[in-house]
Amino acid sequence: MAKTRIEIFYKGEKHFDKPMGSPRPRFRRVKQFAQTYMPSHYTQHKKFIADQMLNLQSERDIKLTVEFYFPPLKSWSKKKLTAMLTR
C-alpha cells in the first residue's frame, strides 16, 4: 500500500497564515426568499487548500489522517505556554 503525504504550508501567504474552521452559513433576504451563502474569506481559504491538493483518483478505500498545528495564543501566560509545550 503506497502512502502519499500532502503538506499544506501557510507561511508567506497573505491572509492565509493558519488553518481556519468552517464558519456558519450566512443568510440574506432577496425579495420573499432567503438565500444562503458562505462568507467569501472562507471560500477563498477553501480554494487555497484545494489548489494544493493532488488529484487522487482511486477505486480503493483510502485512509485520511489530518494533523493541524496551531501557534499558541498570544493571551497565554508564560506558565501556561510552558505547561502546554511540555506535555
PDB file of N, CA and C in Angstrom:
ATOM      1  N   MET A   1       0.847  -1.173   0.000  1.00  0.00           N
ATOM      2  CA  MET A   1       0.000   0.000   0.000  1.00  0.00           C
ATOM      3  C   MET A   1       0.896   1.241   0.000  1.00  0.00           C
ATOM      4  N   ALA A   2       0.783   2.030  -1.009  1.00  0.00           N
ATOM      5  CA  ALA A   2       1.604   3.225  -1.136  1.00  0.00           C
ATOM      6  C   ALA A   2       1.005   4.363  -0.312  1.00  0.00           C
ATOM      7  N   LYS A   3       1.882   5.097   0.351  1.00  0.00           N
ATOM      8  CA  LYS A   3       1.430   6.235   1.144  1.00  0.00           C
ATOM      9  C   LYS A   3       1.770   7.517   0.411  1.00  0.00           C
ATOM     10  N   THR A   4       0.830   8.409   0.378  1.00  0.00           N
ATOM     11  CA  THR A   4       1.031   9.719  -0.219  1.00  0.00           C
ATOM     12  C   THR A   4       0.862  10.748   0.881  1.00  0.00           C
ATOM     13  N   ARG A   5       1.865  11.574   1.056  1.00  0.00           N
ATOM     14  CA  ARG A   5       1.811  12.606   2.086  1.00  0.00           C
ATOM     15  C   ARG A   5       1.672  13.960   1.401  1.00  0.00           C
ATOM     16  N   ILE A   6       0.663  14.699   1.801  1.00  0.00           N
ATOM     17  CA  ILE A   6       0.422  16.030   1.262  1.00  0.00           C
ATOM     18  C   ILE A   6       0.567  17.023   2.402  1.00  0.00           C
ATOM     19  N   GLU A   7       1.424  17.998   2.228  1.00  0.00           N
ATOM     20  CA  GLU A   7       1.595  19.033   3.239  1.00  0.00           C
ATOM     21  C   GLU A   7       1.144  20.364   2.659  1.00  0.00           C
ATOM     22  N   ILE A   8       0.418  21.112   3.457  1.00  0.00           N
ATOM     23  CA  ILE A   8      -0.066  22.423   3.041  1.00  0.00           C
ATOM     24  C   ILE A   8       0.624  23.454   3.917  1.00  0.00           C
ATOM     25  N   PHE A   9       1.315  24.377   3.282  1.00  0.00           N
ATOM     26  CA  PHE A   9       2.071  25.378   4.014  1.00  0.00           C
ATOM     27  C   PHE A   9       1.371  26.725   3.924  1.00  0.00           C
ATOM     28  N   TYR A  10       1.328  27.409   5.046  1.00  0.00           N
ATOM     29  CA  TYR A  10       0.670  28.707   5.127  1.00  0.00           C
ATOM     30  C   TYR A  10       1.666  29.855   5.196  1.00  0.00           C
ATOM     31  N   LYS A  11       2.931  29.570   5.364  1.00  0.00           N
ATOM     32  CA  LYS A  11       3.938  30.622   5.534  1.00  0.00           C
ATOM     33  C   LYS A  11       4.008  31.505   4.299  1.00  0.00           C
ATOM     34  N   GLY A  12       3.976  32.811   4.512  1.00  0.00           N
ATOM     35  CA  GLY A  12       4.152  33.753   3.426  1.00  0.00           C
ATOM     36  C   GLY A  12       2.920  33.996   2.574  1.00  0.00           C
ATOM     37  N   GLU A  13       1.819  33.332   2.885  1.00  0.00           N
ATOM     38  CA  GLU A  13       0.598  33.541   2.110  1.00  0.00           C
ATOM     39  C   GLU A  13      -0.223  34.656   2.760  1.00  0.00           C
ATOM     40  N   LYS A  14      -0.561  35.648   1.984  1.00  0.00           N
ATOM     41  CA  LYS A  14      -1.320  36.764   2.513  1.00  0.00           C
ATOM     42  C   LYS A  14      -2.729  36.307   2.908  1.00  0.00           C
ATOM     43  N   HIS A  15      -3.136  36.637   4.109  1.00  0.00           N
ATOM     44  CA  HIS A  15      -4.447  36.325   4.673  1.00  0.00           C
ATOM     45  C   HIS A  15      -4.652  34.838   4.951  1.00  0.00           C
ATOM     46  N   PHE A  16      -3.690  33.994   4.644  1.00  0.00           N
ATOM     47  CA  PHE A  16      -3.818  32.565   4.934  1.00  0.00           C
ATOM     48  C   PHE A  16      -2.650  32.165   5.826  1.00  0.00           C
ATOM     49  N   ASP A  17      -2.610  32.689   7.047  1.00  0.00           N
ATOM     50  CA  ASP A  17      -1.477  32.432   7.918  1.00  0.00           C
ATOM     51  C   ASP A  17      -1.664  31.208   8.798  1.00  0.00           C
ATOM     52  N   LYS A  18      -2.885  30.649   8.867  1.00  0.00           N
ATOM     53  CA  LYS A  18      -3.133  29.456   9.673  1.00  0.00           C
ATOM     54  C   LYS A  18      -4.423  28.788   9.202  1.00  0.00           C
ATOM     55  N   PRO A  19      -4.625  27.518   9.563  1.00  0.00           N
ATOM     56  CA  PRO A  19      -5.873  26.849   9.198  1.00  0.00           C
ATOM     57  C   PRO A  19      -7.062  27.537   9.862  1.00  0.00           C
ATOM     58  N   MET A  20      -8.210  27.437   9.242  1.00  0.00           N
ATOM     59  CA  MET A  20      -9.401  28.037   9.839  1.00  0.00           C
ATOM     60  C   MET A  20     -10.551  27.043   9.794  1.00  0.00           C
ATOM     61  N   GLY A  21     -11.388  27.119  10.795  1.00  0.00           N
ATOM     62  CA  GLY A  21     -12.572  26.278  10.840  1.00  0.00           C
ATOM     63  C   GLY A  21     -13.656  26.831   9.939  1.00  0.00           C
ATOM     64  N   SER A  22     -14.625  26.011   9.682  1.00  0.00           N
ATOM     65  CA  SER A  22     -15.728  26.443   8.829  1.00  0.00           C
ATOM     66  C   SER A  22     -16.691  27.312   9.631  1.00  0.00           C
ATOM     67  N   PRO A  23     -16.945  28.539   9.172  1.00  0.00           N
ATOM     68  CA  PRO A  23     -17.918  29.378   9.868  1.00  0.00           C
ATOM     69  C   PRO A  23     -19.340  28.942   9.536  1.00  0.00           C
ATOM     70  N   ARG A  24     -20.280  29.498  10.251  1.00  0.00           N
ATOM     71  CA  ARG A  24     -21.679  29.156   9.969  1.00  0.00           C
ATOM     72  C   ARG A  24     -22.104  29.829   8.667  1.00  0.00           C
ATOM     73  N   PRO A  25     -23.057  29.234   7.960  1.00  0.00           N
ATOM     74  CA  PRO A  25     -23.545  29.874   6.736  1.00  0.00           C
ATOM     75  C   PRO A  25     -24.263  31.177   7.065  1.00  0.00           C
ATOM     76  N   ARG A  26     -24.266  32.084   6.124  1.00  0.00           N
ATOM     77  CA  ARG A  26     -24.932  33.379   6.284  1.00  0.00           C
ATOM     78  C   ARG A  26     -26.204  33.382   5.434  1.00  0.00           C
ATOM     79  N   PHE A  27     -27.106  34.249   5.788  1.00  0.00           N
ATOM     80  CA  PHE A  27     -28.383  34.323   5.085  1.00  0.00           C
ATOM     81  C   PHE A  27     -28.665  35.763   4.692  1.00  0.00           C
ATOM     82  N   ARG A  28     -29.288  35.929   3.550  1.00  0.00           N
ATOM     83  CA  ARG A  28     -29.747  37.247   3.142  1.00  0.00           C
ATOM     84  C   ARG A  28     -31.121  37.090   2.495  1.00  0.00           C
ATOM     85  N   ARG A  29     -31.880  38.135   2.604  1.00  0.00           N
ATOM     86  CA  ARG A  29     -33.227  38.096   2.054  1.00  0.00           C
ATOM     87  C   ARG A  29     -33.226  38.749   0.678  1.00  0.00           C
ATOM     88  N   VAL A  30     -33.745  38.021  -0.307  1.00  0.00           N
ATOM     89  CA  VAL A  30     -33.907  38.531  -1.665  1.00  0.00           C
ATOM     90  C   VAL A  30     -35.396  38.456  -1.978  1.00  0.00           C
ATOM     91  N   LYS A  31     -36.021  39.609  -1.958  1.00  0.00           N
ATOM     92  CA  LYS A  31     -37.482  39.714  -2.127  1.00  0.00           C
ATOM     93  C   LYS A  31     -38.161  38.855  -1.067  1.00  0.00           C
ATOM     94  N   GLN A  32     -38.834  37.797  -1.468  1.00  0.00           N
ATOM     95  CA  GLN A  32     -39.549  36.980  -0.485  1.00  0.00           C
ATOM     96  C   GLN A  32     -38.804  35.684  -0.147  1.00  0.00           C
ATOM     97  N   PHE A  33     -37.596  35.519  -0.663  1.00  0.00           N
ATOM     98  CA  PHE A  33     -36.846  34.297  -0.439  1.00  0.00           C
ATOM     99  C   PHE A  33     -35.626  34.546   0.438  1.00  0.00           C
ATOM    100  N   ALA A  34     -35.194  33.529   1.151  1.00  0.00           N
ATOM    101  CA  ALA A  34     -33.951  33.597   1.921  1.00  0.00           C
ATOM    102  C   ALA A  34     -32.873  32.887   1.114  1.00  0.00           C
ATOM    103  N   GLN A  35     -31.726  33.527   0.987  1.00  0.00           N
ATOM    104  CA  GLN A  35     -30.622  32.963   0.219  1.00  0.00           C
ATOM    105  C   GLN A  35     -29.481  32.629   1.192  1.00  0.00           C
ATOM    106  N   THR A  36     -28.911  31.447   1.056  1.00  0.00           N
ATOM    107  CA  THR A  36     -27.828  31.005   1.930  1.00  0.00           C
ATOM    108  C   THR A  36     -26.504  31.112   1.190  1.00  0.00           C
ATOM    109  N   TYR A  37     -25.468  31.574   1.898  1.00  0.00           N
ATOM    110  CA  TYR A  37     -24.135  31.661   1.298  1.00  0.00           C
ATOM    111  C   TYR A  37     -23.083  31.523   2.385  1.00  0.00           C
ATOM    112  N   MET A  38     -21.865  31.201   1.967  1.00  0.00           N
ATOM    113  CA  MET A  38     -20.742  31.121   2.896  1.00  0.00           C
ATOM    114  C   MET A  38     -19.926  32.406   2.760  1.00  0.00           C
ATOM    115  N   PRO A  39     -19.320  32.897   3.847  1.00  0.00           N
ATOM    116  CA  PRO A  39     -18.509  34.119   3.767  1.00  0.00           C
ATOM    117  C   PRO A  39     -17.377  33.972   2.754  1.00  0.00           C
ATOM    118  N   SER A  40     -17.034  35.058   2.082  1.00  0.00           N
ATOM    119  CA  SER A  40     -16.051  34.996   0.999  1.00  0.00           C
ATOM    120  C   SER A  40     -14.654  34.631   1.504  1.00  0.00           C
ATOM    121  N   HIS A  41     -14.287  35.065   2.728  1.00  0.00           N
ATOM    122  CA  HIS A  41     -12.955  34.712   3.220  1.00  0.00           C
ATOM    123  C   HIS A  41     -12.817  33.203   3.407  1.00  0.00           C
ATOM    124  N   TYR A  42     -13.925  32.520   3.758  1.00  0.00           N
ATOM    125  CA  TYR A  42     -13.881  31.066   3.904  1.00  0.00           C
ATOM    126  C   TYR A  42     -13.776  30.378   2.542  1.00  0.00           C
ATOM    127  N   THR A  43     -14.538  30.832   1.558  1.00  0.00           N
ATOM    128  CA  THR A  43     -14.479  30.191   0.244  1.00  0.00           C
ATOM    129  C   THR A  43     -13.106  30.414  -0.413  1.00  0.00           C
ATOM    130  N   GLN A  44     -12.471  31.573  -0.164  1.00  0.00           N
ATOM    131  CA  GLN A  44     -11.118  31.797  -0.684  1.00  0.00           C
ATOM    132  C   GLN A  44     -10.119  30.873  -0.003  1.00  0.00           C
ATOM    133  N   HIS A  45     -10.282  30.679   1.304  1.00  0.00           N
ATOM    134  CA  HIS A  45      -9.399  29.772   2.043  1.00  0.00           C
ATOM    135  C   HIS A  45      -9.580  28.333   1.557  1.00  0.00           C
ATOM    136  N   LYS A  46     -10.805  27.951   1.312  1.00  0.00           N
ATOM    137  CA  LYS A  46     -11.108  26.603   0.822  1.00  0.00           C
ATOM    138  C   LYS A  46     -10.482  26.373  -0.563  1.00  0.00           C
ATOM    139  N   LYS A  47     -10.529  27.379  -1.418  1.00  0.00           N
ATOM    140  CA  LYS A  47      -9.915  27.286  -2.744  1.00  0.00           C
ATOM    141  C   LYS A  47      -8.394  27.195  -2.629  1.00  0.00           C
ATOM    142  N   PHE A  48      -7.803  27.947  -1.688  1.00  0.00           N
ATOM    143  CA  PHE A  48      -6.361  27.900  -1.446  1.00  0.00           C
ATOM    144  C   PHE A  48      -5.927  26.478  -1.076  1.00  0.00           C
ATOM    145  N   ILE A  49      -6.701  25.806  -0.237  1.00  0.00           N
ATOM    146  CA  ILE A  49      -6.396  24.425   0.156  1.00  0.00           C
ATOM    147  C   ILE A  49      -6.584  23.480  -1.035  1.00  0.00           C
ATOM    148  N   ALA A  50      -7.676  23.628  -1.761  1.00  0.00           N
ATOM    149  CA  ALA A  50      -7.985  22.738  -2.881  1.00  0.00           C
ATOM    150  C   ALA A  50      -6.930  22.849  -3.980  1.00  0.00           C
ATOM    151  N   ASP A  51      -6.365  24.035  -4.195  1.00  0.00           N
ATOM    152  CA  ASP A  51      -5.347  24.212  -5.229  1.00  0.00           C
ATOM    153  C   ASP A  51      -4.060  23.460  -4.897  1.00  0.00           C
ATOM    154  N   GLN A  52      -3.818  23.182  -3.622  1.00  0.00           N
ATOM    155  CA  GLN A  52      -2.606  22.475  -3.224  1.00  0.00           C
ATOM    156  C   GLN A  52      -2.788  20.959  -3.180  1.00  0.00           C
ATOM    157  N   MET A  53      -4.017  20.496  -3.293  1.00  0.00           N
ATOM    158  CA  MET A  53      -4.290  19.064  -3.204  1.00  0.00           C
ATOM    159  C   MET A  53      -4.027  18.379  -4.544  1.00  0.00           C
ATOM    160  N   LEU A  54      -3.558  17.147  -4.436  1.00  0.00           N
ATOM    161  CA  LEU A  54      -3.358  16.331  -5.631  1.00  0.00           C
ATOM    162  C   LEU A  54      -4.692  15.765  -6.086  1.00  0.00           C
ATOM    163  N   ASN A  55      -4.761  15.395  -7.347  1.00  0.00           N
ATOM    164  CA  ASN A  55      -5.955  14.745  -7.869  1.00  0.00           C
ATOM    165  C   ASN A  55      -5.773  13.243  -7.670  1.00  0.00           C
ATOM    166  N   LEU A  56      -6.242  12.732  -6.541  1.00  0.00           N
ATOM    167  CA  LEU A  56      -6.084  11.318  -6.208  1.00  0.00           C
ATOM    168  C   LEU A  56      -7.338  10.563  -6.632  1.00  0.00           C
ATOM    169  N   GLN A  57      -7.232   9.844  -7.715  1.00  0.00           N
ATOM    170  CA  GLN A  57      -8.355   9.049  -8.183  1.00  0.00           C
ATOM    171  C   GLN A  57      -8.041   7.595  -7.900  1.00  0.00           C
ATOM    172  N   SER A  58      -8.860   6.985  -7.063  1.00  0.00           N
ATOM    173  CA  SER A  58      -8.625   5.610  -6.660  1.00  0.00           C
ATOM    174  C   SER A  58      -9.958   4.907  -6.509  1.00  0.00           C
ATOM    175  N   GLU A  59      -9.986   3.658  -6.921  1.00  0.00           N
ATOM    176  CA  GLU A  59     -11.192   2.864  -6.747  1.00  0.00           C
ATOM    177  C   GLU A  59     -11.181   2.137  -5.413  1.00  0.00           C
ATOM    178  N   ARG A  60     -10.056   2.186  -4.720  1.00  0.00           N
ATOM    179  CA  ARG A  60      -9.929   1.523  -3.428  1.00  0.00           C
ATOM    180  C   ARG A  60     -10.211   2.510  -2.302  1.00  0.00           C
ATOM    181  N   ASP A  61     -10.505   1.990  -1.132  1.00  0.00           N
ATOM    182  CA  ASP A  61     -10.728   2.842   0.029  1.00  0.00           C
ATOM    183  C   ASP A  61      -9.433   3.563   0.389  1.00  0.00           C
ATOM    184  N   ILE A  62      -9.575   4.742   0.946  1.00  0.00           N
ATOM    185  CA  ILE A  62      -8.401   5.492   1.373  1.00  0.00           C
ATOM    186  C   ILE A  62      -8.522   5.789   2.864  1.00  0.00           C
ATOM    187  N   LYS A  63      -7.380   5.966   3.498  1.00  0.00           N
ATOM    188  CA  LYS A  63      -7.329   6.367   4.897  1.00  0.00           C
ATOM    189  C   LYS A  63      -6.777   7.778   4.933  1.00  0.00           C
ATOM    190  N   LEU A  64      -7.491   8.666   5.586  1.00  0.00           N
ATOM    191  CA  LEU A  64      -7.102  10.060   5.643  1.00  0.00           C
ATOM    192  C   LEU A  64      -6.786  10.432   7.085  1.00  0.00           C
ATOM    193  N   THR A  65      -5.584  10.922   7.302  1.00  0.00           N
ATOM    194  CA  THR A  65      -5.172  11.419   8.605  1.00  0.00           C
ATOM    195  C   THR A  65      -4.858  12.895   8.457  1.00  0.00           C
ATOM    196  N   VAL A  66      -5.500  13.719   9.261  1.00  0.00           N
ATOM    197  CA  VAL A  66      -5.319  15.165   9.172  1.00  0.00           C
ATOM    198  C   VAL A  66      -4.701  15.658  10.471  1.00  0.00           C
ATOM    199  N   GLU A  67      -3.617  16.397  10.359  1.00  0.00           N
ATOM    200  CA  GLU A  67      -2.970  16.987  11.525  1.00  0.00           C
ATOM    201  C   GLU A  67      -2.916  18.491  11.334  1.00  0.00           C
ATOM    202  N   PHE A  68      -3.371  19.227  12.330  1.00  0.00           N
ATOM    203  CA  PHE A  68      -3.302  20.678  12.302  1.00  0.00           C
ATOM    204  C   PHE A  68      -2.365  21.129  13.410  1.00  0.00           C
ATOM    205  N   TYR A  69      -1.526  22.073  13.102  1.00  0.00           N
ATOM    206  CA  TYR A  69      -0.634  22.657  14.087  1.00  0.00           C
ATOM    207  C   TYR A  69      -0.947  24.142  14.165  1.00  0.00           C
ATOM    208  N   PHE A  70      -1.427  24.570  15.322  1.00  0.00           N
ATOM    209  CA  PHE A  70      -1.768  25.963  15.530  1.00  0.00           C
ATOM    210  C   PHE A  70      -0.723  26.621  16.423  1.00  0.00           C
ATOM    211  N   PRO A  71      -0.386  27.874  16.175  1.00  0.00           N
ATOM    212  CA  PRO A  71       0.526  28.568  17.082  1.00  0.00           C
ATOM    213  C   PRO A  71      -0.183  28.826  18.410  1.00  0.00           C
ATOM    214  N   PRO A  72       0.584  28.904  19.508  1.00  0.00           N
ATOM    215  CA  PRO A  72      -0.065  29.179  20.801  1.00  0.00           C
ATOM    216  C   PRO A  72      -0.685  30.577  20.807  1.00  0.00           C
ATOM    217  N   LEU A  73      -1.715  30.725  21.601  1.00  0.00           N
ATOM    218  CA  LEU A  73      -2.407  32.008  21.686  1.00  0.00           C
ATOM    219  C   LEU A  73      -1.519  33.049  22.367  1.00  0.00           C
ATOM    220  N   LYS A  74      -1.596  34.273  21.903  1.00  0.00           N
ATOM    221  CA  LYS A  74      -0.794  35.350  22.477  1.00  0.00           C
ATOM    222  C   LYS A  74      -1.249  35.693  23.888  1.00  0.00           C
ATOM    223  N   SER A  75      -2.484  35.370  24.215  1.00  0.00           N
ATOM    224  CA  SER A  75      -3.009  35.704  25.540  1.00  0.00           C
ATOM    225  C   SER A  75      -2.558  34.723  26.622  1.00  0.00           C
ATOM    226  N   TRP A  76      -1.920  33.599  26.253  1.00  0.00           N
ATOM    227  CA  TRP A  76      -1.459  32.630  27.238  1.00  0.00           C
ATOM    228  C   TRP A  76      -0.308  33.204  28.048  1.00  0.00           C
ATOM    229  N   SER A  77      -0.314  32.906  29.331  1.00  0.00           N
ATOM    230  CA  SER A  77       0.794  33.316  30.180  1.00  0.00           C
ATOM    231  C   SER A  77       1.997  32.417  29.899  1.00  0.00           C
ATOM    232  N   LYS A  78       3.169  32.832  30.363  1.00  0.00           N
ATOM    233  CA  LYS A  78       4.375  32.024  30.160  1.00  0.00           C
ATOM    234  C   LYS A  78       4.238  30.672  30.856  1.00  0.00           C
ATOM    235  N   LYS A  79       3.582  30.673  32.017  1.00  0.00           N
ATOM    236  CA  LYS A  79       3.383  29.435  32.766  1.00  0.00           C
ATOM    237  C   LYS A  79       2.510  28.446  31.976  1.00  0.00           C
ATOM    238  N   LYS A  80       1.421  28.942  31.423  1.00  0.00           N
ATOM    239  CA  LYS A  80       0.526  28.080  30.647  1.00  0.00           C
ATOM    240  C   LYS A  80       1.200  27.625  29.362  1.00  0.00           C
ATOM    241  N   LEU A  81       1.975  28.509  28.723  1.00  0.00           N
ATOM    242  CA  LEU A  81       2.662  28.153  27.497  1.00  0.00           C
ATOM    243  C   LEU A  81       3.666  27.021  27.731  1.00  0.00           C
ATOM    244  N   THR A  82       4.469  27.118  28.800  1.00  0.00           N
ATOM    245  CA  THR A  82       5.437  26.046  29.083  1.00  0.00           C
ATOM    246  C   THR A  82       4.714  24.756  29.470  1.00  0.00           C
ATOM    247  N   ALA A  83       3.584  24.868  30.172  1.00  0.00           N
ATOM    248  CA  ALA A  83       2.817  23.661  30.536  1.00  0.00           C
ATOM    249  C   ALA A  83       2.289  22.966  29.300  1.00  0.00           C
ATOM    250  N   MET A  84       1.798  23.724  28.335  1.00  0.00           N
ATOM    251  CA  MET A  84       1.248  23.136  27.121  1.00  0.00           C
ATOM    252  C   MET A  84       2.351  22.540  26.225  1.00  0.00           C
ATOM    253  N   LEU A  85       3.486  23.198  26.158  1.00  0.00           N
ATOM    254  CA  LEU A  85       4.561  22.727  25.281  1.00  0.00           C
ATOM    255  C   LEU A  85       5.327  21.536  25.852  1.00  0.00           C
ATOM    256  N   THR A  86       5.272  21.336  27.161  1.00  0.00           N
ATOM    257  CA  THR A  86       5.998  20.214  27.769  1.00  0.00           C
ATOM    258  C   THR A  86       5.113  18.989  27.966  1.00  0.00           C
ATOM    259  N   ARG A  87       3.913  19.015  27.470  1.00  0.00           N
ATOM    260  CA  ARG A  87       3.022  17.843  27.559  1.00  0.00           C
ATOM    261  C   ARG A  87       3.594  16.694  26.800  1.00  0.00           C
TER     262      ARG A  87
END
